[in-house]
Amino acid sequence: LRREGVCDVAGGRGEVAARLAHCHDVPVLLVEPREDVDLQATVMKKVAPRLPARYRAHLVAAGRSERVDRRATVLRRYFPPPADDGDAWEKIDACGVWVGLHADGATEAIAAEACKRGKSFAVVPCCVFPSYFITRIVEGGTPVKTTEELVAYLLEKHAHATKTTINFEGKNVAVALDAGVRVAADPASIAAALVENRPLLLPGAAAAWRASREWVSEDGTLDVAAMTRLFGDASAPVALPDGARRETTVGAYLARHFDKNDGEARPYLKDWHLGDGDWYDAPRGLDDDWLGACFEARRDDFSFCYVGAAGTRTPVHADVLASYSWSGNVVGEKTWWLFPPAETGKLKNAAGDLVDDCRSGRYDAAAFPDLARARRLVVTQRAGDVLFVPSDWHHMVLNTADTVSINRNWCNACAVDRVWAHVADEADRARAELADCAEDVAARYGGAPAWRREWCWMVERVLRDAARLNVSDFVAMVHREVGRPLAPAPAFEARVRAKVRAALVDARDRYGDQLFHDGAGAWPADEDDASWGADAAAAARARLDAALAALDDERGT
């Protein structure tokens, strides 16, 4: 709760908000329309009398709560605010949990809006108002007239909503939903996040990195002198505020743009390949990297460093190849907006273009009419934290402080089905792009069947240039990995192997004539007859068949 805060809806004079802020140091937003809310008065009248004597004496002597001043905010609005009230929604969405204790008419709205926007919530229903909410019907067609029926009605809002009895007098049954980003507690939680394709926060997972030791000053900020000494002459790409890109050096960027929080829009140094140095270790559980092994032979990688002053950001996007990614903060703080794959359509306009900035009031609501209703997770990532970003989750990232992070795109068996779907889509585009060339290639062969192998090899070349992974690369990657347990935990093995097998079968059935491997099991990139010859095609097909056989052997069939 201290990381992302609580939104207390219809909290009256703010006793819950005051307790959270003063007693627990939790940031809290009180959404309450009345004008006479005075949280300091509530602390003194409602909270102070119930505190232990020494804490009460300190509060009374001070005459006010410093924590309430610092941690509590009142938003004078009815809930839910209008969809076009961007300022209100930005504050409400920033809270990790929405709560309503006896929130009366706002109770259902809290649950409904939280489910719609992918937020966690907890409400304790009290008054029902059956003559006002006449459309409430529980399963079986019974109108909602009692608190018990209202609890049942709210539980139907989401398949994972739960109810709990709280130990206090009066109406004390809570309906809650935990929809937030999970925090990694053990290897099992990491395994579940991979298999279920959901985000996961690993607090402190980057704290022991060499980068976190050698790039950070004693005060926790970036050691600019050390970074300049280590990397000052290194070339790195920079994204300008207008979206253009240019090359600079790390030293020049740090000197001109970092640690200068004057409100000016600044360039963002991003997608910088660190090279050698052992500056980080992939977090345990996120280190079974099939893509990394696939690209080692090409002397290419998907590891990047990002250096951005406060206010720099990455627009809404999904990661390359539908891969997983993880991001570790060396210094600074980021806010992430993450959208599940099912919400992707709501992020686009009629032309199919993605929104650039998803924050309320920062996009054209007429052009993106569904964006306000898109479910999202809002996550704060602090120095030392690693965030796991699942496959096909679009996201926007804002540096809320001067920040340096190390990021890696990767995948393992759990994401193979989504990576394959992406490669297959790109393969269809490459075939369509080269369709007009097929007749010319066939003519050079005098119509002999061998022409199609060369044309398919040409498709593979275009596909690799466009997507960095072609069908032959995909088959080689899977073939290399399948002779071992594939799932991150034994309980998921059968499920994961079935996904890998389905992807291979689809590759065979749709693109079996587009596979070519050399003697080392790699796609032959040289433009000569051997690259698309019968031997290269047979070698690739043999590896695909061997991979399927290995998967079947492990299943015991």
Protein backbone atom coordinates (compact mmCIF):
# COMPACT_ATOMS: atom_id res chain seq x y z
CA LEU A 1 0.00 0.00 0.00
CA ARG A 2 2.86 2.38 0.72
CA ARG A 3 4.13 1.95 -2.82
CA GLU A 4 1.03 3.02 -4.75
CA GLY A 5 -1.47 4.28 -2.21
CA VAL A 6 -5.20 3.95 -1.55
CA CYS A 7 -8.19 5.73 -3.03
CA ASP A 8 -10.87 6.03 -0.30
CA VAL A 9 -14.18 6.64 -2.06
CA ALA A 10 -17.10 8.34 -0.32
CA GLY A 11 -15.15 8.31 2.90
CA GLY A 12 -17.20 11.03 4.61
CA ARG A 13 -15.09 13.07 6.98
CA GLY A 14 -12.11 10.87 6.18
CA GLU A 15 -11.52 8.66 9.22
CA VAL A 16 -10.21 5.78 7.09
CA ALA A 17 -8.04 8.15 5.07
CA ALA A 18 -6.70 9.84 8.20
CA ARG A 19 -5.86 6.51 9.82
CA LEU A 20 -4.09 5.20 6.74
CA ALA A 21 -2.01 8.35 6.39
CA HIS A 22 -1.21 9.05 10.06
CA CYS A 23 -0.97 5.56 11.55
CA HIS A 24 0.39 3.60 8.60
CA ASP A 25 2.20 6.23 6.48
CA VAL A 26 0.15 5.19 3.44
CA PRO A 27 -0.50 7.73 0.67
CA VAL A 28 -4.26 8.15 0.37
CA LEU A 29 -6.66 10.02 -1.91
CA LEU A 30 -10.06 10.76 -0.35
CA VAL A 31 -12.75 11.16 -3.02
CA GLU A 32 -15.62 12.94 -1.31
CA PRO A 33 -17.94 15.65 -2.66
CA ARG A 34 -18.66 17.48 0.60
CA GLU A 35 -16.88 20.79 1.10
CA ASP A 36 -16.42 20.61 4.86
CA VAL A 37 -13.89 17.77 4.99
CA ASP A 38 -11.01 18.64 7.32
CA LEU A 39 -8.65 15.70 7.70
CA GLN A 40 -6.63 17.39 10.43
CA ALA A 41 -9.78 17.83 12.52
CA THR A 42 -10.66 14.18 11.89
CA VAL A 43 -7.21 13.06 13.07
CA MET A 44 -7.56 15.01 16.31
CA LYS A 45 -11.19 14.01 17.01
CA LYS A 46 -11.33 10.42 15.73
CA VAL A 47 -7.79 9.07 15.52
CA ALA A 48 -5.91 10.67 18.41
CA PRO A 49 -8.22 9.40 21.21
CA ARG A 50 -7.57 5.79 20.17
CA LEU A 51 -3.78 6.07 19.95
CA PRO A 52 -1.43 4.78 22.67
CA ALA A 53 -0.78 7.49 25.24
CA ARG A 54 2.73 8.47 24.14
CA TYR A 55 1.73 8.75 20.47
CA ARG A 56 -1.42 10.66 21.38
CA ALA A 57 0.53 13.10 23.52
CA HIS A 58 2.97 13.79 20.69
CA LEU A 59 0.12 14.40 18.22
CA VAL A 60 -1.80 16.65 20.60
CA ALA A 61 1.34 18.66 21.34
CA ALA A 62 2.00 19.17 17.64
CA GLY A 63 -1.61 20.18 17.02
CA ARG A 64 -1.71 18.48 13.62
CA SER A 65 -0.42 15.42 11.78
CA GLU A 66 2.62 15.99 9.60
CA ARG A 67 1.93 12.64 7.89
CA VAL A 68 -1.60 13.68 6.93
CA ASP A 69 -0.23 16.90 5.46
CA ARG A 70 2.30 14.91 3.47
CA ARG A 71 0.40 11.72 2.58
CA ALA A 72 -3.31 12.58 2.29
CA THR A 73 -5.14 14.47 -0.46
CA VAL A 74 -8.84 15.32 -0.76
CA LEU A 75 -10.46 15.22 -4.21
CA ARG A 76 -13.87 16.88 -4.00
CA ARG A 77 -15.79 14.87 -6.57
CA TYR A 78 -18.68 12.47 -6.80
CA PHE A 79 -17.67 8.96 -7.82
CA PRO A 80 -17.25 8.07 -10.57
CA PRO A 81 -16.19 11.42 -12.05
CA PRO A 82 -17.18 12.15 -15.67
CA ALA A 83 -15.09 10.33 -18.26
CA ASP A 84 -13.67 13.63 -19.52
CA ASP A 85 -12.46 14.72 -16.06
CA GLY A 86 -8.87 13.83 -16.87
CA ASP A 87 -7.36 15.41 -13.75
CA ALA A 88 -9.59 13.39 -11.42
CA TRP A 89 -9.10 10.08 -13.22
CA GLU A 90 -5.34 10.51 -13.38
CA LYS A 91 -5.22 10.85 -9.58
CA ILE A 92 -7.65 7.97 -8.99
CA ASP A 93 -5.93 5.63 -11.46
CA ALA A 94 -2.58 6.30 -9.80
CA CYS A 95 -3.82 4.63 -6.59
CA GLY A 96 -3.09 0.93 -6.25
CA VAL A 97 -6.29 0.00 -4.38
CA TRP A 98 -9.75 1.55 -4.28
CA VAL A 99 -11.75 1.12 -1.06
CA GLY A 100 -15.21 1.99 0.19
CA LEU A 101 -16.25 1.41 3.81
CA HIS A 102 -20.05 1.72 3.95
CA ALA A 103 -19.83 3.90 0.83
CA ASP A 104 -23.61 3.58 0.28
CA GLY A 105 -24.55 4.71 -3.25
CA ALA A 106 -20.94 4.60 -4.45
CA THR A 107 -20.34 0.97 -3.44
CA GLU A 108 -21.33 -0.65 -6.73
CA ALA A 109 -19.61 2.09 -8.74
CA ILE A 110 -16.31 1.36 -6.96
CA ALA A 111 -16.49 -2.33 -7.87
CA ALA A 112 -17.74 -1.76 -11.42
CA GLU A 113 -15.19 0.92 -12.32
CA ALA A 114 -12.36 -1.04 -10.71
CA CYS A 115 -13.22 -4.15 -12.73
CA LYS A 116 -13.51 -2.06 -15.90
CA ARG A 117 -10.12 -0.40 -15.35
CA GLY A 118 -8.27 -3.43 -13.98
CA LYS A 119 -7.84 -2.05 -10.45
CA SER A 120 -7.85 -3.78 -7.09
CA PHE A 121 -10.72 -2.88 -4.78
CA ALA A 122 -12.27 -3.66 -1.41
CA VAL A 123 -15.75 -2.54 -0.38
CA VAL A 124 -17.84 -3.21 2.71
CA PRO A 125 -21.49 -2.84 1.63
CA CYS A 126 -24.07 -1.43 4.01
CA CYS A 127 -27.17 0.36 2.76
CA VAL A 128 -28.81 -1.20 -0.34
CA PHE A 129 -31.29 1.44 -1.60
CA PRO A 130 -33.40 -1.12 -3.53
CA SER A 131 -35.94 1.47 -4.69
CA TYR A 132 -33.14 3.52 -6.28
CA PHE A 133 -31.01 0.73 -7.81
CA ILE A 134 -33.91 -1.15 -9.36
CA THR A 135 -31.85 -2.91 -12.05
CA ARG A 136 -29.77 -4.95 -9.62
CA ILE A 137 -30.55 -8.62 -10.10
CA VAL A 138 -28.56 -11.56 -8.70
CA GLU A 139 -28.20 -14.91 -10.44
CA GLY A 140 -31.61 -16.56 -10.61
CA GLY A 141 -33.44 -13.29 -11.22
CA THR A 142 -33.83 -12.16 -7.59
CA PRO A 143 -33.88 -8.36 -7.07
CA VAL A 144 -31.24 -7.08 -4.64
CA LYS A 145 -32.98 -5.95 -1.46
CA THR A 146 -30.66 -7.02 1.38
CA THR A 147 -27.02 -6.48 2.19
CA GLU A 148 -26.40 -10.20 1.75
CA GLU A 149 -27.90 -10.05 -1.74
CA LEU A 150 -25.81 -6.96 -2.52
CA VAL A 151 -22.68 -8.89 -1.52
CA ALA A 152 -23.67 -11.72 -3.88
CA TYR A 153 -24.38 -9.18 -6.63
CA LEU A 154 -20.96 -7.56 -6.23
CA LEU A 155 -19.20 -10.93 -6.27
CA GLU A 156 -20.65 -11.51 -9.75
CA LYS A 157 -18.73 -8.47 -11.03
CA HIS A 158 -15.55 -10.51 -11.41
CA ALA A 159 -14.72 -14.21 -11.44
CA HIS A 160 -11.85 -13.68 -8.95
CA ALA A 161 -13.70 -11.42 -6.50
CA THR A 162 -13.80 -12.78 -2.94
CA LYS A 163 -15.63 -12.04 0.29
CA THR A 164 -14.21 -11.84 3.80
CA THR A 165 -15.76 -11.15 7.19
CA ILE A 166 -13.95 -8.40 9.09
CA ASN A 167 -13.79 -8.40 12.88
CA PHE A 168 -15.87 -5.34 13.80
CA GLU A 169 -19.49 -4.70 14.70
CA GLY A 170 -22.16 -3.87 12.15
CA LYS A 171 -22.09 -4.63 8.42
CA ASN A 172 -18.70 -6.29 8.15
CA VAL A 173 -18.53 -8.43 5.00
CA ALA A 174 -15.95 -7.16 2.51
CA VAL A 175 -15.97 -7.88 -1.22
CA ALA A 176 -12.51 -7.55 -2.72
CA LEU A 177 -10.51 -8.11 -5.88
CA ASP A 178 -6.72 -8.28 -6.09
CA ALA A 179 -6.10 -7.13 -9.67
CA GLY A 180 -2.74 -5.46 -9.20
CA VAL A 181 0.76 -6.43 -10.22
CA ARG A 182 1.87 -9.27 -7.98
CA VAL A 183 5.07 -8.96 -5.97
CA ALA A 184 7.40 -11.93 -6.33
CA ALA A 185 7.45 -13.87 -3.07
CA ASP A 186 9.14 -17.10 -4.17
CA PRO A 187 10.06 -19.09 -7.31
CA ALA A 188 6.49 -20.38 -7.55
CA SER A 189 5.11 -16.86 -7.99
CA ILE A 190 7.61 -16.17 -10.78
CA ALA A 191 6.69 -19.44 -12.52
CA ALA A 192 2.98 -18.62 -12.30
CA ALA A 193 3.51 -15.14 -13.77
CA LEU A 194 5.37 -16.59 -16.76
CA VAL A 195 2.78 -19.27 -17.48
CA GLU A 196 -0.20 -16.96 -16.92
CA ASN A 197 1.43 -14.07 -18.85
CA ARG A 198 0.91 -11.44 -16.17
CA PRO A 199 3.22 -8.72 -14.79
CA LEU A 200 5.34 -9.26 -11.70
CA LEU A 201 7.39 -6.89 -9.56
CA LEU A 202 10.64 -8.16 -8.04
CA PRO A 203 11.61 -5.59 -5.36
CA GLY A 204 15.34 -5.25 -4.84
CA ALA A 205 16.27 -7.77 -7.54
CA ALA A 206 18.67 -5.30 -9.19
CA ALA A 207 20.24 -4.00 -5.98
CA ALA A 208 23.19 -6.42 -6.08
CA TRP A 209 24.11 -5.77 -9.73
CA ARG A 210 27.57 -4.51 -10.49
CA ALA A 211 25.89 -1.51 -12.14
CA SER A 212 24.05 -0.73 -8.90
CA ARG A 213 27.38 -0.70 -7.06
CA GLU A 214 29.57 1.20 -9.52
CA TRP A 215 27.16 3.65 -11.16
CA VAL A 216 25.46 4.98 -8.02
CA SER A 217 26.59 7.73 -5.65
CA GLU A 218 26.33 7.45 -1.89
CA ASP A 219 23.15 9.56 -1.95
CA GLY A 220 21.44 7.08 -4.30
CA THR A 221 21.64 9.24 -7.42
CA LEU A 222 23.57 8.47 -10.58
CA ASP A 223 27.33 8.92 -10.27
CA VAL A 224 27.66 11.00 -13.43
CA ALA A 225 31.44 11.22 -13.10
CA ALA A 226 31.78 7.44 -12.90
CA MET A 227 29.43 6.90 -15.85
CA THR A 228 31.31 9.47 -17.91
CA ARG A 229 34.63 7.82 -17.06
CA LEU A 230 33.30 4.36 -17.97
CA PHE A 231 31.18 5.18 -21.01
CA GLY A 232 31.72 8.82 -21.95
CA ASP A 233 32.91 8.09 -25.49
CA ALA A 234 30.40 5.31 -26.18
CA SER A 235 27.93 6.01 -28.99
CA ALA A 236 24.27 5.72 -28.09
CA PRO A 237 20.92 6.53 -29.74
CA VAL A 238 18.81 9.35 -28.36
CA ALA A 239 15.06 9.85 -28.87
CA LEU A 240 14.17 13.52 -29.21
CA PRO A 241 10.93 14.98 -27.81
CA ASP A 242 9.47 15.19 -31.33
CA GLY A 243 10.07 11.47 -31.89
CA ALA A 244 13.13 11.82 -34.14
CA ARG A 245 16.32 9.92 -33.33
CA ARG A 246 19.99 10.78 -33.51
CA GLU A 247 23.31 9.44 -32.27
CA THR A 248 25.30 11.05 -29.48
CA THR A 249 27.82 9.96 -26.88
CA VAL A 250 26.90 8.95 -23.38
CA GLY A 251 29.15 11.65 -21.96
CA ALA A 252 27.54 14.38 -24.07
CA TYR A 253 24.05 13.29 -23.05
CA LEU A 254 24.88 13.23 -19.34
CA ALA A 255 26.50 16.66 -19.52
CA ARG A 256 23.66 18.33 -21.39
CA HIS A 257 20.45 16.66 -20.27
CA PHE A 258 20.75 14.63 -17.08
CA ASP A 259 20.12 16.01 -13.60
CA LYS A 260 18.62 19.26 -14.95
CA ASN A 261 15.03 19.26 -13.72
CA ASP A 262 13.98 22.64 -15.07
CA GLY A 263 10.78 21.43 -16.75
CA GLU A 264 12.23 21.49 -20.25
CA ALA A 265 11.32 18.57 -22.52
CA ARG A 266 14.50 16.52 -22.86
CA PRO A 267 15.86 13.80 -25.13
CA TYR A 268 15.90 10.23 -23.85
CA LEU A 269 18.97 8.01 -24.27
CA LYS A 270 17.51 4.59 -24.99
CA ASP A 271 18.23 1.26 -26.70
CA TRP A 272 21.93 1.63 -25.90
CA HIS A 273 23.77 -1.70 -26.13
CA LEU A 274 26.06 -1.91 -23.11
CA GLY A 275 28.35 -4.58 -24.53
CA ASP A 276 30.67 -6.52 -22.24
CA GLY A 277 31.11 -5.77 -18.56
CA ASP A 278 28.89 -8.09 -16.52
CA TRP A 279 26.96 -5.08 -15.30
CA TYR A 280 23.87 -7.11 -14.44
CA ASP A 281 22.59 -10.63 -13.93
CA ALA A 282 19.22 -11.73 -15.26
CA PRO A 283 16.93 -12.20 -12.24
CA ARG A 284 16.59 -15.82 -11.19
CA GLY A 285 13.48 -17.27 -12.77
CA LEU A 286 13.67 -14.79 -15.66
CA ASP A 287 16.93 -16.16 -17.05
CA ASP A 288 15.85 -19.03 -19.35
CA ASP A 289 16.47 -16.92 -22.44
CA TRP A 290 15.79 -18.67 -25.76
CA LEU A 291 16.09 -15.46 -27.78
CA GLY A 292 19.48 -14.59 -26.31
CA ALA A 293 20.92 -17.96 -27.30
CA CYS A 294 19.38 -17.60 -30.75
CA PHE A 295 21.07 -14.24 -31.39
CA GLU A 296 24.49 -14.95 -29.88
CA ALA A 297 25.77 -16.41 -33.15
CA ARG A 298 24.83 -13.16 -34.92
CA ARG A 299 26.68 -11.07 -32.34
CA ASP A 300 23.39 -9.37 -31.61
CA ASP A 301 21.39 -9.11 -28.42
CA PHE A 302 18.26 -7.69 -26.86
CA SER A 303 19.89 -6.04 -23.82
CA PHE A 304 19.64 -2.27 -23.56
CA CYS A 305 20.40 0.56 -21.16
CA TYR A 306 18.04 3.52 -20.79
CA VAL A 307 19.19 6.86 -19.33
CA GLY A 308 16.50 9.50 -18.91
CA ALA A 309 16.01 12.72 -17.00
CA ALA A 310 12.81 13.20 -15.02
CA GLY A 311 9.88 13.63 -17.40
CA THR A 312 11.27 11.55 -20.26
CA ARG A 313 9.11 8.65 -21.35
CA THR A 314 8.57 5.82 -23.79
CA PRO A 315 5.27 6.03 -25.76
CA VAL A 316 2.67 3.27 -25.71
CA HIS A 317 4.12 0.19 -27.43
CA ALA A 318 4.46 -3.58 -27.23
CA ASP A 319 7.83 -5.29 -27.14
CA VAL A 320 9.67 -6.70 -30.14
CA LEU A 321 8.69 -10.19 -31.37
CA ALA A 322 5.90 -10.40 -28.77
CA SER A 323 8.69 -11.25 -26.35
CA TYR A 324 8.80 -10.99 -22.60
CA SER A 325 10.94 -8.25 -21.10
CA TRP A 326 12.30 -7.30 -17.73
CA SER A 327 13.47 -3.86 -16.64
CA GLY A 328 15.70 -3.18 -13.66
CA ASN A 329 16.14 0.30 -12.19
CA VAL A 330 19.72 1.10 -11.23
CA VAL A 331 18.74 4.56 -9.99
CA GLY A 332 15.58 6.63 -10.09
CA GLU A 333 11.89 5.83 -10.38
CA LYS A 334 9.47 4.96 -13.18
CA THR A 335 5.70 4.79 -13.51
CA TRP A 336 4.35 2.11 -15.85
CA TRP A 337 0.94 1.89 -17.49
CA LEU A 338 0.38 -1.73 -18.57
CA PHE A 339 -2.53 -2.91 -20.74
CA PRO A 340 -3.52 -6.61 -21.07
CA PRO A 341 -3.52 -8.00 -24.63
CA ALA A 342 -7.34 -7.99 -24.76
CA GLU A 343 -7.30 -4.18 -24.42
CA THR A 344 -5.07 -3.50 -27.43
CA GLY A 345 -7.97 -2.46 -29.68
CA LYS A 346 -8.94 0.28 -27.25
CA LEU A 347 -5.49 1.85 -27.59
CA LYS A 348 -5.92 2.51 -31.32
CA ASN A 349 -7.76 5.07 -33.40
CA ALA A 350 -9.89 4.34 -36.46
CA ALA A 351 -6.75 4.19 -38.65
CA GLY A 352 -5.20 1.56 -36.39
CA ASP A 353 -2.57 3.88 -34.92
CA LEU A 354 -1.56 3.47 -31.28
CA VAL A 355 -2.10 6.33 -28.86
CA ASP A 356 1.18 8.03 -27.94
CA ASP A 357 0.42 9.12 -24.35
CA CYS A 358 -2.29 7.21 -22.47
CA ARG A 359 -2.62 9.63 -19.55
CA SER A 360 -5.98 11.31 -19.15
CA GLY A 361 -6.10 14.70 -20.81
CA ARG A 362 -3.02 14.02 -22.95
CA TYR A 363 -4.67 12.40 -25.93
CA ASP A 364 -7.54 13.21 -28.30
CA ALA A 365 -10.55 11.54 -26.64
CA ALA A 366 -12.56 11.81 -29.85
CA ALA A 367 -9.87 9.95 -31.79
CA PHE A 368 -9.44 7.32 -29.07
CA PRO A 369 -12.98 6.97 -27.69
CA ASP A 370 -12.41 3.60 -25.98
CA LEU A 371 -9.12 4.37 -24.24
CA ALA A 372 -10.69 5.66 -21.04
CA ARG A 373 -12.41 2.27 -20.60
CA ALA A 374 -9.28 0.20 -21.21
CA ARG A 375 -8.23 -1.94 -18.27
CA ARG A 376 -4.75 -1.07 -17.09
CA LEU A 377 -2.27 -1.58 -14.29
CA VAL A 378 -0.32 1.41 -12.99
CA VAL A 379 2.95 0.43 -11.31
CA THR A 380 5.64 2.41 -9.52
CA GLN A 381 9.12 0.95 -9.96
CA ARG A 382 11.81 2.23 -7.62
CA ALA A 383 15.59 1.94 -7.59
CA GLY A 384 16.67 -1.69 -7.30
CA ASP A 385 13.32 -3.07 -8.47
CA VAL A 386 12.88 -5.31 -11.51
CA LEU A 387 9.56 -5.41 -13.36
CA PHE A 388 8.60 -8.39 -15.52
CA VAL A 389 6.52 -7.33 -18.54
CA PRO A 390 4.58 -10.17 -20.19
CA SER A 391 4.17 -10.89 -23.89
CA ASP A 392 1.84 -8.65 -25.92
CA TRP A 393 1.14 -6.26 -23.01
CA HIS A 394 1.27 -2.73 -24.41
CA HIS A 395 2.80 -0.26 -22.00
CA MET A 396 3.93 3.33 -21.51
CA VAL A 397 6.79 4.25 -19.18
CA LEU A 398 7.45 7.63 -17.54
CA ASN A 399 10.62 8.50 -15.64
CA THR A 400 9.37 10.35 -12.57
CA ALA A 401 12.95 11.00 -11.44
CA ASP A 402 16.34 10.97 -13.15
CA THR A 403 16.54 7.28 -13.97
CA VAL A 404 18.92 4.66 -15.36
CA SER A 405 17.60 1.20 -16.13
CA ILE A 406 18.83 -1.98 -17.79
CA ASN A 407 16.26 -3.88 -19.84
CA ARG A 408 16.22 -7.17 -21.70
CA ASN A 409 13.80 -8.70 -24.18
CA TRP A 410 13.69 -12.48 -23.98
CA CYS A 411 11.41 -15.48 -24.16
CA ASN A 412 11.22 -19.06 -22.98
CA ALA A 413 8.84 -21.93 -23.67
CA CYS A 414 5.98 -20.17 -21.89
CA ALA A 415 5.93 -17.39 -24.51
CA VAL A 416 6.67 -19.49 -27.60
CA ASP A 417 3.05 -19.53 -28.75
CA ARG A 418 2.85 -15.71 -28.78
CA VAL A 419 6.27 -15.30 -30.38
CA TRP A 420 5.25 -17.79 -33.07
CA ALA A 421 1.97 -15.95 -33.71
CA HIS A 422 3.97 -12.76 -34.28
CA VAL A 423 6.47 -14.46 -36.61
CA ALA A 424 3.63 -16.10 -38.56
CA ASP A 425 1.87 -12.75 -39.03
CA GLU A 426 5.10 -11.20 -40.28
CA ALA A 427 5.67 -14.20 -42.57
CA ASP A 428 2.27 -13.66 -44.18
CA ARG A 429 3.17 -10.01 -44.78
CA ALA A 430 6.51 -10.99 -46.32
CA ARG A 431 4.82 -13.48 -48.65
CA ALA A 432 2.32 -10.85 -49.75
CA GLU A 433 5.13 -8.34 -50.30
CA LEU A 434 7.00 -10.77 -52.57
CA ALA A 435 4.00 -12.25 -54.37
CA ASP A 436 4.73 -10.21 -57.50
CA CYS A 437 8.27 -11.64 -57.64
CA ALA A 438 7.12 -15.26 -57.80
CA GLU A 439 6.42 -15.21 -61.54
CA ASP A 440 9.86 -13.77 -62.32
CA VAL A 441 11.62 -16.37 -60.19
CA ALA A 442 9.62 -19.19 -61.78
CA ALA A 443 10.49 -17.89 -65.25
CA ARG A 444 14.22 -18.09 -64.48
CA TYR A 445 13.79 -21.79 -63.66
CA GLY A 446 11.72 -22.42 -66.75
CA GLY A 447 8.84 -23.43 -64.55
CA ALA A 448 10.77 -26.25 -62.81
CA PRO A 449 9.54 -26.86 -59.22
CA ALA A 450 12.85 -25.78 -57.71
CA TRP A 451 11.92 -22.11 -58.29
CA ARG A 452 9.66 -22.14 -55.26
CA ARG A 453 12.52 -22.96 -52.87
CA GLU A 454 14.42 -19.86 -53.98
CA TRP A 455 11.31 -17.72 -53.67
CA CYS A 456 10.63 -19.10 -50.17
CA TRP A 457 14.25 -18.37 -49.21
CA MET A 458 13.70 -14.79 -50.41
CA VAL A 459 10.64 -14.59 -48.13
CA GLU A 460 12.80 -15.79 -45.22
CA ARG A 461 15.38 -13.07 -45.97
CA VAL A 462 12.74 -10.32 -46.03
CA LEU A 463 11.17 -11.75 -42.88
CA ARG A 464 14.45 -11.75 -40.97
CA ASP A 465 15.15 -8.15 -42.03
CA ALA A 466 11.67 -7.08 -40.90
CA ALA A 467 11.20 -9.13 -37.73
CA ARG A 468 14.78 -10.21 -36.86
CA LEU A 469 13.50 -13.81 -36.63
CA ASN A 470 12.27 -15.90 -39.55
CA VAL A 471 10.51 -19.27 -39.63
CA SER A 472 13.79 -21.18 -40.02
CA ASP A 473 15.25 -19.28 -37.04
CA PHE A 474 12.18 -20.11 -34.96
CA VAL A 475 12.42 -23.83 -35.70
CA ALA A 476 16.16 -23.82 -34.94
CA MET A 477 15.54 -22.04 -31.64
CA VAL A 478 12.92 -24.55 -30.51
CA HIS A 479 14.97 -27.54 -31.72
CA ARG A 480 17.90 -26.39 -29.61
CA GLU A 481 15.83 -26.20 -26.41
CA VAL A 482 13.31 -29.05 -26.39
CA GLY A 483 15.54 -31.82 -25.05
CA ARG A 484 15.01 -30.76 -21.43
CA PRO A 485 12.20 -29.71 -19.08
CA LEU A 486 10.59 -26.59 -20.54
CA ALA A 487 8.28 -25.19 -17.86
CA PRO A 488 9.51 -23.02 -14.97
CA ALA A 489 7.89 -25.49 -12.54
CA PRO A 490 6.97 -29.19 -12.95
CA ALA A 491 3.27 -28.52 -12.43
CA PHE A 492 3.15 -26.56 -15.70
CA GLU A 493 5.24 -28.91 -17.86
CA ALA A 494 2.44 -30.61 -19.79
CA ARG A 495 0.68 -27.30 -20.44
CA VAL A 496 3.83 -25.59 -21.68
CA ARG A 497 4.97 -28.49 -23.87
CA ALA A 498 1.55 -28.58 -25.52
CA LYS A 499 1.93 -24.89 -26.46
CA VAL A 500 5.39 -25.46 -27.93
CA ARG A 501 4.19 -28.48 -29.89
CA ALA A 502 1.19 -26.60 -31.29
CA ALA A 503 3.48 -23.81 -32.53
CA LEU A 504 5.80 -26.27 -34.26
CA VAL A 505 2.92 -28.11 -35.91
CA ASP A 506 1.55 -24.81 -37.19
CA ALA A 507 4.99 -23.88 -38.57
CA ARG A 508 5.19 -27.23 -40.34
CA ASP A 509 1.69 -27.08 -41.78
CA ARG A 510 1.75 -23.46 -42.95
CA TYR A 511 5.39 -22.85 -43.79
CA GLY A 512 6.96 -26.27 -44.27
CA ASP A 513 8.30 -25.22 -47.70
CA GLN A 514 9.93 -22.13 -46.20
CA LEU A 515 12.45 -23.91 -43.95
CA PHE A 516 16.20 -23.98 -44.66
CA HIS A 517 19.11 -24.93 -42.38
CA ASP A 518 22.82 -25.27 -42.99
CA GLY A 519 25.01 -27.95 -41.43
CA ALA A 520 25.22 -26.03 -38.15
CA GLY A 521 21.44 -25.78 -37.86
CA ALA A 522 21.20 -22.09 -38.75
CA TRP A 523 19.36 -20.34 -41.56
CA PRO A 524 21.82 -20.07 -44.52
CA ALA A 525 22.06 -16.35 -45.28
CA ASP A 526 24.39 -16.56 -48.31
CA GLU A 527 22.66 -15.81 -51.58
CA ASP A 528 23.54 -18.97 -53.51
CA ASP A 529 21.94 -22.21 -54.68
CA ALA A 530 23.07 -24.15 -51.59
CA SER A 531 21.13 -21.84 -49.28
CA TRP A 532 17.78 -22.78 -50.82
CA GLY A 533 18.76 -26.19 -52.14
CA ALA A 534 17.07 -29.50 -51.42
CA ASP A 535 19.68 -30.41 -48.80
CA ALA A 536 19.05 -27.21 -46.82
CA ALA A 537 15.31 -27.79 -46.96
CA ALA A 538 15.69 -31.42 -45.86
CA ALA A 539 17.97 -30.46 -42.97
CA ALA A 540 15.46 -27.96 -41.62
CA ARG A 541 12.56 -30.37 -41.95
CA ALA A 542 14.59 -33.05 -40.15
CA ARG A 543 15.21 -30.71 -37.21
CA LEU A 544 11.54 -29.80 -37.02
CA ASP A 545 10.56 -33.48 -37.00
CA ALA A 546 13.23 -34.22 -34.37
CA ALA A 547 11.89 -31.42 -32.15
CA LEU A 548 8.35 -32.79 -32.41
CA ALA A 549 9.63 -36.29 -31.61
CA ALA A 550 11.42 -34.97 -28.52
CA LEU A 551 8.27 -33.26 -27.33
CA ASP A 552 6.25 -36.45 -27.87
CA ASP A 553 8.85 -38.54 -26.05
CA GLU A 554 8.62 -36.28 -23.01
CA ARG A 555 4.83 -36.60 -23.04
CA GLY A 556 5.17 -40.38 -23.02
CA THR A 557 3.38 -40.88 -26.33
